[in-house]
Protein backbone atom coordinates (compact mmCIF):
# COMPACT_ATOMS: atom_id res chain seq x y z
CA MET A 1 100.73 23.21 39.24
CA ASN A 2 103.58 21.82 40.31
CA ASN A 3 105.68 24.92 40.90
CA PRO A 4 105.11 27.56 43.43
CA LEU A 5 103.71 30.18 41.00
CA GLU A 6 100.92 28.03 40.11
CA LEU A 7 100.68 26.89 44.26
CA MET A 8 100.32 29.95 44.88
CA THR A 9 97.57 31.21 42.22
CA ALA A 10 95.87 27.95 43.08
CA LEU A 11 95.93 29.48 47.63
CA GLN A 12 95.22 32.95 46.85
CA THR A 13 91.72 31.26 45.13
CA GLN A 14 91.05 28.69 47.40
CA LEU A 15 92.06 30.21 50.40
CA PRO A 16 91.10 33.75 49.99
CA GLY A 17 91.26 34.31 53.80
CA PHE A 18 95.02 34.73 54.23
CA GLU A 19 98.08 36.46 52.35
CA PHE A 20 100.48 34.83 50.81
CA ILE A 21 104.22 35.26 50.62
CA LEU A 22 106.59 34.21 47.77
CA ASP A 23 109.55 34.18 48.13
CA ALA A 24 111.01 33.08 44.60
CA ALA A 25 114.15 31.50 44.19
CA GLU A 26 117.51 33.25 42.59
CA THR A 27 118.50 30.27 40.63
CA ALA A 28 116.64 27.92 38.79
CA THR A 29 118.32 25.17 41.18
CA GLY A 30 117.77 27.08 44.04
CA SER A 31 114.95 27.10 46.55
CA SER A 32 111.49 29.16 46.82
CA TRP A 33 109.16 29.77 50.07
CA ILE A 34 105.73 30.80 50.48
CA ASN A 35 104.86 32.36 53.73
CA ILE A 36 101.17 32.53 55.45
CA ALA A 37 101.55 35.93 57.26
CA GLY A 38 100.64 36.25 60.81
CA HIS A 39 100.72 32.47 60.88
CA PRO A 40 103.86 29.68 61.80
CA MET A 41 103.61 28.01 58.75
CA ALA A 42 106.40 28.07 55.75
CA ILE A 43 106.35 25.95 52.28
CA GLU A 44 109.51 25.54 50.40
CA HIS A 45 109.72 24.62 46.94
CA LYS A 46 113.33 22.60 45.69
CA PRO A 47 112.56 21.95 42.09
CA GLY A 48 112.86 18.33 41.35
CA ILE A 49 112.11 16.95 44.73
CA GLY A 50 108.62 19.16 45.67
CA PHE A 51 107.02 20.72 48.74
CA GLY A 52 108.39 20.51 51.99
CA LEU A 53 105.77 21.73 54.32
CA PHE A 54 106.72 23.06 58.22
CA LEU A 55 103.86 23.30 60.39
CA SER A 56 105.46 25.25 63.18
CA ASP A 57 107.96 28.33 63.27
CA GLU A 58 110.77 25.58 65.02
CA GLY A 59 111.24 24.30 60.73
CA GLY A 60 112.25 26.61 58.59
CA TYR A 61 115.62 27.52 56.65
CA GLY A 62 118.24 24.10 57.04
CA ASN A 63 115.77 21.48 59.14
CA ARG A 64 113.68 19.16 57.53
CA PRO A 65 109.93 19.75 56.87
CA ASP A 66 107.42 17.98 58.90
CA GLU A 67 105.72 17.06 55.73
CA VAL A 68 107.02 16.48 51.70
CA TYR A 69 104.80 16.52 48.63
CA ARG A 70 105.72 15.49 45.49
CA ASP A 71 102.09 16.52 44.10
CA ALA A 72 100.96 20.31 44.29
CA ALA A 73 97.58 19.55 44.52
CA LEU A 74 97.82 17.10 47.91
CA LEU A 75 99.90 19.76 49.36
CA LEU A 76 96.72 21.87 48.75
CA LYS A 77 94.16 19.92 49.94
CA ARG A 78 96.53 19.78 53.19
CA LEU A 79 96.40 23.34 53.57
CA GLY A 80 92.64 24.01 53.22
CA GLN A 81 92.81 21.09 56.12
CA LEU A 82 95.13 22.87 57.91
CA LEU A 83 93.64 26.40 57.70
CA SER A 84 90.23 26.30 56.58
CA VAL A 85 88.41 24.16 59.28
CA PRO A 86 86.48 25.55 62.25
CA PRO A 87 88.47 24.62 65.58
CA THR A 88 87.42 21.26 66.48
CA THR A 89 88.41 18.74 68.55
CA PRO A 90 88.05 15.96 66.64
CA ASP A 91 89.43 12.16 68.09
CA THR A 92 93.24 12.10 67.55
CA PRO A 93 94.41 8.42 67.05
CA SER A 94 98.20 7.79 68.32
CA LEU A 95 100.44 4.97 68.84
CA SER A 96 101.43 2.89 71.19
CA ALA A 97 104.05 0.13 71.69
CA ASP A 98 103.77 -3.14 69.39
CA ASP A 99 106.88 -5.39 69.94
CA ASP A 100 107.96 -2.52 72.25
CA ILE A 101 107.37 0.41 69.50
CA ALA A 102 105.91 3.18 70.73
CA MET A 103 104.26 6.91 68.87
CA THR A 104 101.91 9.19 69.36
CA GLN A 105 99.71 11.21 67.82
CA THR A 106 98.48 14.51 69.88
CA GLY A 107 96.38 17.97 69.34
CA ALA A 108 93.53 19.52 67.88
CA SER A 109 92.45 21.02 64.28
CA ASN A 110 92.51 25.19 64.36
CA GLY A 111 90.73 27.71 62.89
CA PRO A 112 91.44 29.79 60.13
CA LEU A 113 93.07 32.20 63.11
CA ALA A 114 95.22 30.62 65.24
CA PRO A 115 98.48 30.48 64.79
CA ALA A 116 99.32 27.22 66.21
CA VAL A 117 99.04 24.39 63.97
CA ARG A 118 99.42 20.28 65.78
CA LYS A 119 102.13 19.11 63.91
CA GLN A 120 101.27 15.31 63.86
CA ILE A 121 98.64 14.49 60.68
CA THR A 122 95.62 11.74 61.99
CA LEU A 123 94.83 8.82 59.51
CA LYS A 124 92.00 10.52 59.12
CA ASP A 125 93.98 13.51 57.05
CA ILE A 126 95.85 11.06 55.62
CA ARG A 127 93.38 9.47 53.88
CA GLU A 128 90.98 12.14 53.33
CA VAL A 129 94.69 14.21 51.59
CA LEU A 130 95.01 10.90 49.09
CA GLY A 131 90.67 11.49 47.77
CA ILE A 132 90.10 7.66 49.63
CA THR A 133 86.93 6.62 51.07
CA GLN A 134 86.82 4.41 54.60
CA ALA A 135 85.07 2.08 52.13
CA ASP A 136 87.84 2.51 49.84
CA VAL A 137 89.88 1.62 52.46
CA ALA A 138 88.01 -1.43 53.69
CA LYS A 139 88.02 -3.13 50.75
CA ALA A 140 91.39 -3.52 50.52
CA LEU A 141 91.98 -4.79 53.32
CA GLY A 142 88.72 -7.32 53.70
CA LYS A 143 87.68 -5.36 56.39
CA GLN A 144 84.41 -3.53 57.11
CA GLN A 145 83.90 -0.29 56.89
CA SER A 146 82.45 0.83 60.56
CA ALA A 147 86.31 -1.41 61.36
CA ILE A 148 87.74 1.29 59.74
CA SER A 149 86.31 4.33 61.44
CA LYS A 150 86.27 2.55 64.30
CA ILE A 151 90.59 2.43 64.10
CA GLU A 152 90.80 6.27 63.01
CA LYS A 153 88.79 7.47 66.48
CA ARG A 154 90.76 5.23 68.22
CA ASP A 155 93.59 7.15 71.13
CA ASP A 156 95.82 4.72 70.43
CA VAL A 157 96.52 2.37 67.93
CA LEU A 158 98.83 -0.61 67.41
CA ILE A 159 101.92 -0.21 64.92
CA SER A 160 100.74 -3.21 63.02
CA THR A 161 97.26 -1.90 62.35
CA LEU A 162 99.06 1.22 61.47
CA VAL A 163 100.94 -0.70 58.98
CA SER A 164 98.23 -2.38 57.40
CA LEU A 165 96.39 1.11 57.29
CA ILE A 166 98.75 2.42 55.21
CA HIS A 167 99.38 -0.90 53.19
CA GLY A 168 95.88 -0.52 52.44
CA MET A 169 95.63 3.36 51.44
CA ASN A 170 98.59 2.39 49.10
CA GLY A 171 101.18 3.68 51.04
CA ALA A 172 104.45 1.95 52.64
CA VAL A 173 105.69 2.93 56.53
CA GLU A 174 109.05 2.95 57.28
CA ILE A 175 109.86 4.37 61.31
CA THR A 176 113.14 5.86 62.00
CA ALA A 177 114.78 6.41 65.89
CA LYS A 178 116.46 9.25 66.30
CA PHE A 179 119.30 10.04 68.82
CA GLU A 180 121.41 12.68 69.72
CA GLY A 181 123.91 11.19 66.94
CA CYS A 182 122.57 8.67 64.80
CA ASP A 183 118.95 8.38 62.91
CA VAL A 184 117.91 4.55 62.75
CA SER A 185 115.98 2.97 60.34
CA ILE A 186 113.85 0.21 62.55
CA TYR A 187 111.35 -0.67 60.04
CA SER A 188 110.89 -0.24 56.13
CA ASP A 189 108.30 -1.57 54.45
CA GLU A 190 111.19 -2.23 51.28
CA GLU A 191 113.04 -5.39 53.52
CA ILE A 192 110.35 -7.20 53.22
CA PRO A 193 110.43 -9.28 50.36
CA GLY A 194 106.94 -9.25 48.06
CA HIS A 195 105.72 -6.32 50.35
CA THR A 196 103.30 -5.38 47.80
CA THR A 197 100.36 -2.59 48.53
CA THR A 198 97.27 -3.62 48.52
CA LEU A 199 94.63 -0.62 47.45
CA GLN A 200 92.24 -1.75 44.65
CA THR A 201 91.23 1.25 41.89
């Protein structure tokens, strides 16, 4: 399912309440776009790279996507989260200062008819898209499942805690500071000698 036509078919089957519009690439190396009628989200497919998900009409041509998926099945799960969930106001964890580094996650899920989508993905969203349970993460980190649940519900999460949870989901972390004239990587797992992910399957 890693091409736009197959993704379109899957979207129409799993999310029949929406109209998906395919703007196919004119060349073999060009980008294809999938738009959702009446919705600000858009999906760009680049051959050899994957699918870029733009969560608002502020993105689009020439801009970086908010999220990138090399596996279309994971993108389908993410779109299901964004388009199928009725309006709610769940706890959305944010990241607070740790060694003077701060990040923030805010917002709430929107239902299938809502035109706006929160731009930040939550830790729970990531875990569910990957098909990982809280018990899996707890086992990988040597913690209780209740501890993982509490972290996902926190308003503030330390950077060190975030890194630990991402490692527990078999992921890696990179933090980039963006300025008007440059982008600077200030943290990357690749720079840590001997770093390995910990999720056991």
